[in-house]
């Protein structure tokens, strides 16, 4: 297993509460969920190997 970089993160308490609930809903730690979200964003932006991934379909019908 590769070593992970540690660094302090200052975050708004209300945002942390949101992340805490979201992580619990996904059965992840807050740290694990933050890493997941950042990895997904980097992949969509084309910053990770594997190229750009289209954003998920919102389910809205835009044909009208």
PDB file of N, CA and C in Angstrom:
ATOM      1  N   UNK A   1       0.846  -1.179   0.000  1.00  0.00           N
ATOM      2  CA  UNK A   1       0.000   0.000   0.000  1.00  0.00           C
ATOM      3  C   UNK A   1       0.891   1.241   0.000  1.00  0.00           C
ATOM      4  N   UNK A   2       0.544   2.196  -0.837  1.00  0.00           N
ATOM      5  CA  UNK A   2       1.359   3.408  -0.916  1.00  0.00           C
ATOM      6  C   UNK A   2       1.054   4.333   0.264  1.00  0.00           C
ATOM      7  N   UNK A   3       2.067   5.097   0.632  1.00  0.00           N
ATOM      8  CA  UNK A   3       1.903   6.064   1.722  1.00  0.00           C
ATOM      9  C   UNK A   3       1.010   7.203   1.255  1.00  0.00           C
ATOM     10  N   UNK A   4       0.280   7.780   2.168  1.00  0.00           N
ATOM     11  CA  UNK A   4      -0.585   8.912   1.840  1.00  0.00           C
ATOM     12  C   UNK A   4      -0.027  10.163   2.476  1.00  0.00           C
ATOM     13  N   UNK A   5      -0.175  11.261   1.795  1.00  0.00           N
ATOM     14  CA  UNK A   5       0.280  12.565   2.262  1.00  0.00           C
ATOM     15  C   UNK A   5      -0.684  13.086   3.324  1.00  0.00           C
ATOM     16  N   UNK A   6      -0.147  13.517   4.444  1.00  0.00           N
ATOM     17  CA  UNK A   6      -0.942  14.147   5.502  1.00  0.00           C
ATOM     18  C   UNK A   6      -0.793  15.655   5.424  1.00  0.00           C
ATOM     19  N   UNK A   7      -1.905  16.360   5.665  1.00  0.00           N
ATOM     20  CA  UNK A   7      -1.833  17.815   5.735  1.00  0.00           C
ATOM     21  C   UNK A   7      -3.034  18.324   6.522  1.00  0.00           C
ATOM     22  N   UNK A   8      -2.873  19.446   7.214  1.00  0.00           N
ATOM     23  CA  UNK A   8      -3.998  20.011   7.961  1.00  0.00           C
ATOM     24  C   UNK A   8      -4.993  20.665   6.997  1.00  0.00           C
ATOM     25  N   UNK A   9      -6.246  20.590   7.333  1.00  0.00           N
ATOM     26  CA  UNK A   9      -7.288  21.185   6.505  1.00  0.00           C
ATOM     27  C   UNK A   9      -8.212  22.000   7.398  1.00  0.00           C
ATOM     28  N   UNK A  10      -8.348  23.261   7.076  1.00  0.00           N
ATOM     29  CA  UNK A  10      -9.291  24.118   7.799  1.00  0.00           C
ATOM     30  C   UNK A  10     -10.562  24.193   6.961  1.00  0.00           C
ATOM     31  N   UNK A  11     -11.687  23.918   7.592  1.00  0.00           N
ATOM     32  CA  UNK A  11     -12.943  23.858   6.850  1.00  0.00           C
ATOM     33  C   UNK A  11     -14.067  24.437   7.714  1.00  0.00           C
ATOM     34  N   UNK A  12     -14.999  25.078   7.071  1.00  0.00           N
ATOM     35  CA  UNK A  12     -16.145  25.652   7.764  1.00  0.00           C
ATOM     36  C   UNK A  12     -16.876  24.542   8.532  1.00  0.00           C
ATOM     37  N   UNK A  13     -17.209  24.782   9.801  1.00  0.00           N
ATOM     38  CA  UNK A  13     -17.868  23.742  10.604  1.00  0.00           C
ATOM     39  C   UNK A  13     -19.181  23.229  10.003  1.00  0.00           C
ATOM     40  N   UNK A  14     -19.960  24.110   9.401  1.00  0.00           N
ATOM     41  CA  UNK A  14     -21.222  23.676   8.789  1.00  0.00           C
ATOM     42  C   UNK A  14     -20.963  22.765   7.587  1.00  0.00           C
ATOM     43  N   UNK A  15     -19.956  23.098   6.790  1.00  0.00           N
ATOM     44  CA  UNK A  15     -19.601  22.240   5.662  1.00  0.00           C
ATOM     45  C   UNK A  15     -19.101  20.888   6.164  1.00  0.00           C
ATOM     46  N   UNK A  16     -18.336  20.900   7.254  1.00  0.00           N
ATOM     47  CA  UNK A  16     -17.854  19.641   7.821  1.00  0.00           C
ATOM     48  C   UNK A  16     -19.031  18.767   8.267  1.00  0.00           C
ATOM     49  N   UNK A  17     -20.046  19.375   8.882  1.00  0.00           N
ATOM     50  CA  UNK A  17     -21.228  18.617   9.305  1.00  0.00           C
ATOM     51  C   UNK A  17     -21.921  17.978   8.106  1.00  0.00           C
ATOM     52  N   UNK A  18     -22.014  18.726   7.013  1.00  0.00           N
ATOM     53  CA  UNK A  18     -22.617  18.196   5.786  1.00  0.00           C
ATOM     54  C   UNK A  18     -21.801  17.016   5.277  1.00  0.00           C
ATOM     55  N   UNK A  19     -20.480  17.191   5.228  1.00  0.00           N
ATOM     56  CA  UNK A  19     -19.605  16.110   4.765  1.00  0.00           C
ATOM     57  C   UNK A  19     -19.688  14.893   5.681  1.00  0.00           C
ATOM     58  N   UNK A  20     -19.807  15.139   6.971  1.00  0.00           N
ATOM     59  CA  UNK A  20     -19.897  14.050   7.944  1.00  0.00           C
ATOM     60  C   UNK A  20     -21.161  13.211   7.699  1.00  0.00           C
ATOM     61  N   UNK A  21     -22.287  13.877   7.492  1.00  0.00           N
ATOM     62  CA  UNK A  21     -23.540  13.153   7.214  1.00  0.00           C
ATOM     63  C   UNK A  21     -23.463  12.419   5.878  1.00  0.00           C
ATOM     64  N   UNK A  22     -22.914  13.102   4.858  1.00  0.00           N
ATOM     65  CA  UNK A  22     -22.794  12.521   3.526  1.00  0.00           C
ATOM     66  C   UNK A  22     -21.902  11.281   3.574  1.00  0.00           C
ATOM     67  N   UNK A  23     -20.781  11.380   4.255  1.00  0.00           N
ATOM     68  CA  UNK A  23     -19.860  10.244   4.383  1.00  0.00           C
ATOM     69  C   UNK A  23     -20.555   9.081   5.087  1.00  0.00           C
ATOM     70  N   UNK A  24     -21.291   9.365   6.144  1.00  0.00           N
ATOM     71  CA  UNK A  24     -22.005   8.307   6.866  1.00  0.00           C
ATOM     72  C   UNK A  24     -23.030   7.630   5.960  1.00  0.00           C
ATOM     73  N   UNK A  25     -23.715   8.407   5.128  1.00  0.00           N
ATOM     74  CA  UNK A  25     -24.686   7.844   4.184  1.00  0.00           C
ATOM     75  C   UNK A  25     -24.019   6.881   3.205  1.00  0.00           C
ATOM     76  N   UNK A  26     -22.759   7.133   2.894  1.00  0.00           N
ATOM     77  CA  UNK A  26     -22.002   6.317   1.935  1.00  0.00           C
ATOM     78  C   UNK A  26     -21.127   5.273   2.633  1.00  0.00           C
ATOM     79  N   UNK A  27     -21.263   5.161   3.960  1.00  0.00           N
ATOM     80  CA  UNK A  27     -20.473   4.214   4.760  1.00  0.00           C
ATOM     81  C   UNK A  27     -18.973   4.443   4.604  1.00  0.00           C
ATOM     82  N   UNK A  28     -18.578   5.714   4.618  1.00  0.00           N
ATOM     83  CA  UNK A  28     -17.167   6.095   4.533  1.00  0.00           C
ATOM     84  C   UNK A  28     -16.830   7.000   5.710  1.00  0.00           C
ATOM     85  N   UNK A  29     -15.524   7.095   5.983  1.00  0.00           N
ATOM     86  CA  UNK A  29     -15.063   8.114   6.928  1.00  0.00           C
ATOM     87  C   UNK A  29     -15.104   9.453   6.197  1.00  0.00           C
ATOM     88  N   UNK A  30     -15.062  10.543   6.941  1.00  0.00           N
ATOM     89  CA  UNK A  30     -15.024  11.862   6.308  1.00  0.00           C
ATOM     90  C   UNK A  30     -13.778  11.964   5.439  1.00  0.00           C
ATOM     91  N   UNK A  31     -12.641  11.517   5.962  1.00  0.00           N
ATOM     92  CA  UNK A  31     -11.401  11.567   5.198  1.00  0.00           C
ATOM     93  C   UNK A  31     -11.521  10.747   3.910  1.00  0.00           C
ATOM     94  N   UNK A  32     -12.055   9.544   4.015  1.00  0.00           N
ATOM     95  CA  UNK A  32     -12.220   8.692   2.840  1.00  0.00           C
ATOM     96  C   UNK A  32     -13.179   9.301   1.832  1.00  0.00           C
ATOM     97  N   UNK A  33     -14.235   9.943   2.325  1.00  0.00           N
ATOM     98  CA  UNK A  33     -15.209  10.551   1.417  1.00  0.00           C
ATOM     99  C   UNK A  33     -14.622  11.778   0.722  1.00  0.00           C
ATOM    100  N   UNK A  34     -13.858  12.575   1.458  1.00  0.00           N
ATOM    101  CA  UNK A  34     -13.191  13.721   0.827  1.00  0.00           C
ATOM    102  C   UNK A  34     -12.257  13.246  -0.285  1.00  0.00           C
ATOM    103  N   UNK A  35     -11.495  12.193  -0.018  1.00  0.00           N
ATOM    104  CA  UNK A  35     -10.591  11.664  -1.044  1.00  0.00           C
ATOM    105  C   UNK A  35     -11.389  11.161  -2.244  1.00  0.00           C
ATOM    106  N   UNK A  36     -12.508  10.479  -2.000  1.00  0.00           N
ATOM    107  CA  UNK A  36     -13.369   9.998  -3.077  1.00  0.00           C
ATOM    108  C   UNK A  36     -13.886  11.162  -3.926  1.00  0.00           C
ATOM    109  N   UNK A  37     -14.398  12.200  -3.265  1.00  0.00           N
ATOM    110  CA  UNK A  37     -14.938  13.359  -3.984  1.00  0.00           C
ATOM    111  C   UNK A  37     -13.864  14.070  -4.799  1.00  0.00           C
ATOM    112  N   UNK A  38     -12.684  14.234  -4.215  1.00  0.00           N
ATOM    113  CA  UNK A  38     -11.590  14.895  -4.930  1.00  0.00           C
ATOM    114  C   UNK A  38     -11.122  14.064  -6.119  1.00  0.00           C
ATOM    115  N   UNK A  39     -11.051  12.740  -5.940  1.00  0.00           N
ATOM    116  CA  UNK A  39     -10.641  11.862  -7.042  1.00  0.00           C
ATOM    117  C   UNK A  39     -11.660  11.925  -8.184  1.00  0.00           C
ATOM    118  N   UNK A  40     -12.952  11.886  -7.849  1.00  0.00           N
ATOM    119  CA  UNK A  40     -14.002  11.983  -8.869  1.00  0.00           C
ATOM    120  C   UNK A  40     -13.912  13.310  -9.628  1.00  0.00           C
ATOM    121  N   UNK A  41     -13.710  14.402  -8.908  1.00  0.00           N
ATOM    122  CA  UNK A  41     -13.599  15.719  -9.543  1.00  0.00           C
ATOM    123  C   UNK A  41     -12.370  15.784 -10.445  1.00  0.00           C
ATOM    124  N   UNK A  42     -11.256  15.232  -9.993  1.00  0.00           N
ATOM    125  CA  UNK A  42     -10.028  15.236 -10.797  1.00  0.00           C
ATOM    126  C   UNK A  42     -10.198  14.384 -12.049  1.00  0.00           C
ATOM    127  N   UNK A  43     -10.900  13.268 -11.932  1.00  0.00           N
ATOM    128  CA  UNK A  43     -11.143  12.407 -13.086  1.00  0.00           C
ATOM    129  C   UNK A  43     -12.033  13.112 -14.104  1.00  0.00           C
ATOM    130  N   UNK A  44     -13.126  13.735 -13.626  1.00  0.00           N
ATOM    131  CA  UNK A  44     -14.028  14.465 -14.534  1.00  0.00           C
ATOM    132  C   UNK A  44     -13.319  15.619 -15.223  1.00  0.00           C
ATOM    133  N   UNK A  45     -12.363  16.232 -14.533  1.00  0.00           N
ATOM    134  CA  UNK A  45     -11.627  17.370 -15.095  1.00  0.00           C
ATOM    135  C   UNK A  45     -10.493  16.928 -16.012  1.00  0.00           C
ATOM    136  N   UNK A  46     -10.288  15.616 -16.133  1.00  0.00           N
ATOM    137  CA  UNK A  46      -9.219  15.118 -16.992  1.00  0.00           C
ATOM    138  C   UNK A  46      -7.845  15.244 -16.365  1.00  0.00           C
ATOM    139  N   UNK A  47      -7.785  15.332 -15.053  1.00  0.00           N
ATOM    140  CA  UNK A  47      -6.510  15.496 -14.351  1.00  0.00           C
ATOM    141  C   UNK A  47      -5.908  14.172 -13.906  1.00  0.00           C
ATOM    142  N   UNK A  48      -6.644  13.080 -14.018  1.00  0.00           N
ATOM    143  CA  UNK A  48      -6.135  11.756 -13.653  1.00  0.00           C
ATOM    144  C   UNK A  48      -6.023  10.900 -14.905  1.00  0.00           C
ATOM    145  N   UNK A  49      -5.133   9.920 -14.890  1.00  0.00           N
ATOM    146  CA  UNK A  49      -5.067   8.999 -16.031  1.00  0.00           C
ATOM    147  C   UNK A  49      -6.434   8.356 -16.247  1.00  0.00           C
ATOM    148  N   UNK A  50      -6.782   8.158 -17.486  1.00  0.00           N
ATOM    149  CA  UNK A  50      -8.091   7.602 -17.799  1.00  0.00           C
ATOM    150  C   UNK A  50      -8.946   8.616 -18.528  1.00  0.00           C
ATOM    151  N   UNK A  51      -8.457   9.844 -18.581  1.00  0.00           N
ATOM    152  CA  UNK A  51      -9.135  10.874 -19.359  1.00  0.00           C
ATOM    153  C   UNK A  51     -10.334  11.483 -18.678  1.00  0.00           C
ATOM    154  N   UNK A  52     -11.003  12.301 -19.442  1.00  0.00           N
ATOM    155  CA  UNK A  52     -12.168  13.036 -18.959  1.00  0.00           C
ATOM    156  C   UNK A  52     -13.379  12.110 -18.957  1.00  0.00           C
ATOM    157  N   UNK A  53     -14.142  12.165 -17.901  1.00  0.00           N
ATOM    158  CA  UNK A  53     -15.356  11.373 -17.768  1.00  0.00           C
ATOM    159  C   UNK A  53     -16.528  12.334 -17.828  1.00  0.00           C
ATOM    160  N   UNK A  54     -17.547  12.022 -18.641  1.00  0.00           N
ATOM    161  CA  UNK A  54     -18.691  12.934 -18.702  1.00  0.00           C
ATOM    162  C   UNK A  54     -19.409  12.994 -17.362  1.00  0.00           C
ATOM    163  N   UNK A  55     -19.997  14.150 -17.034  1.00  0.00           N
ATOM    164  CA  UNK A  55     -20.731  14.257 -15.767  1.00  0.00           C
ATOM    165  C   UNK A  55     -21.932  13.323 -15.788  1.00  0.00           C
ATOM    166  N   UNK A  56     -22.381  12.874 -14.630  1.00  0.00           N
ATOM    167  CA  UNK A  56     -23.545  11.984 -14.592  1.00  0.00           C
ATOM    168  C   UNK A  56     -24.777  12.694 -15.129  1.00  0.00           C
ATOM    169  N   UNK A  57     -25.651  11.943 -15.783  1.00  0.00           N
ATOM    170  CA  UNK A  57     -26.887  12.495 -16.324  1.00  0.00           C
ATOM    171  C   UNK A  57     -27.780  12.936 -15.177  1.00  0.00           C
ATOM    172  N   UNK A  58     -28.295  14.151 -15.273  1.00  0.00           N
ATOM    173  CA  UNK A  58     -29.141  14.680 -14.204  1.00  0.00           C
ATOM    174  C   UNK A  58     -30.548  14.109 -14.259  1.00  0.00           C
ATOM    175  N   UNK A  59     -30.898  13.437 -15.369  1.00  0.00           N
ATOM    176  CA  UNK A  59     -32.235  12.881 -15.495  1.00  0.00           C
ATOM    177  C   UNK A  59     -33.248  13.867 -16.038  1.00  0.00           C
ATOM    178  N   UNK A  60     -32.820  15.097 -16.292  1.00  0.00           N
ATOM    179  CA  UNK A  60     -33.730  16.109 -16.822  1.00  0.00           C
ATOM    180  C   UNK A  60     -33.891  15.915 -18.321  1.00  0.00           C
ATOM    181  N   UNK A  61     -35.095  16.124 -18.813  1.00  0.00           N
ATOM    182  CA  UNK A  61     -35.365  16.051 -20.242  1.00  0.00           C
ATOM    183  C   UNK A  61     -35.157  17.437 -20.831  1.00  0.00           C
ATOM    184  N   UNK A  62     -34.159  17.568 -21.675  1.00  0.00           N
ATOM    185  CA  UNK A  62     -33.826  18.882 -22.250  1.00  0.00           C
ATOM    186  C   UNK A  62     -34.314  19.024 -23.685  1.00  0.00           C
ATOM    187  N   UNK A  63     -35.128  18.083 -24.161  1.00  0.00           N
ATOM    188  CA  UNK A  63     -35.565  18.114 -25.549  1.00  0.00           C
ATOM    189  C   UNK A  63     -36.668  19.131 -25.800  1.00  0.00           C
ATOM    190  N   UNK A  64     -37.321  19.637 -24.780  1.00  0.00           N
ATOM    191  CA  UNK A  64     -38.421  20.586 -24.991  1.00  0.00           C
ATOM    192  C   UNK A  64     -37.978  22.008 -24.927  1.00  0.00           C
TER     193      UNK A  64
END
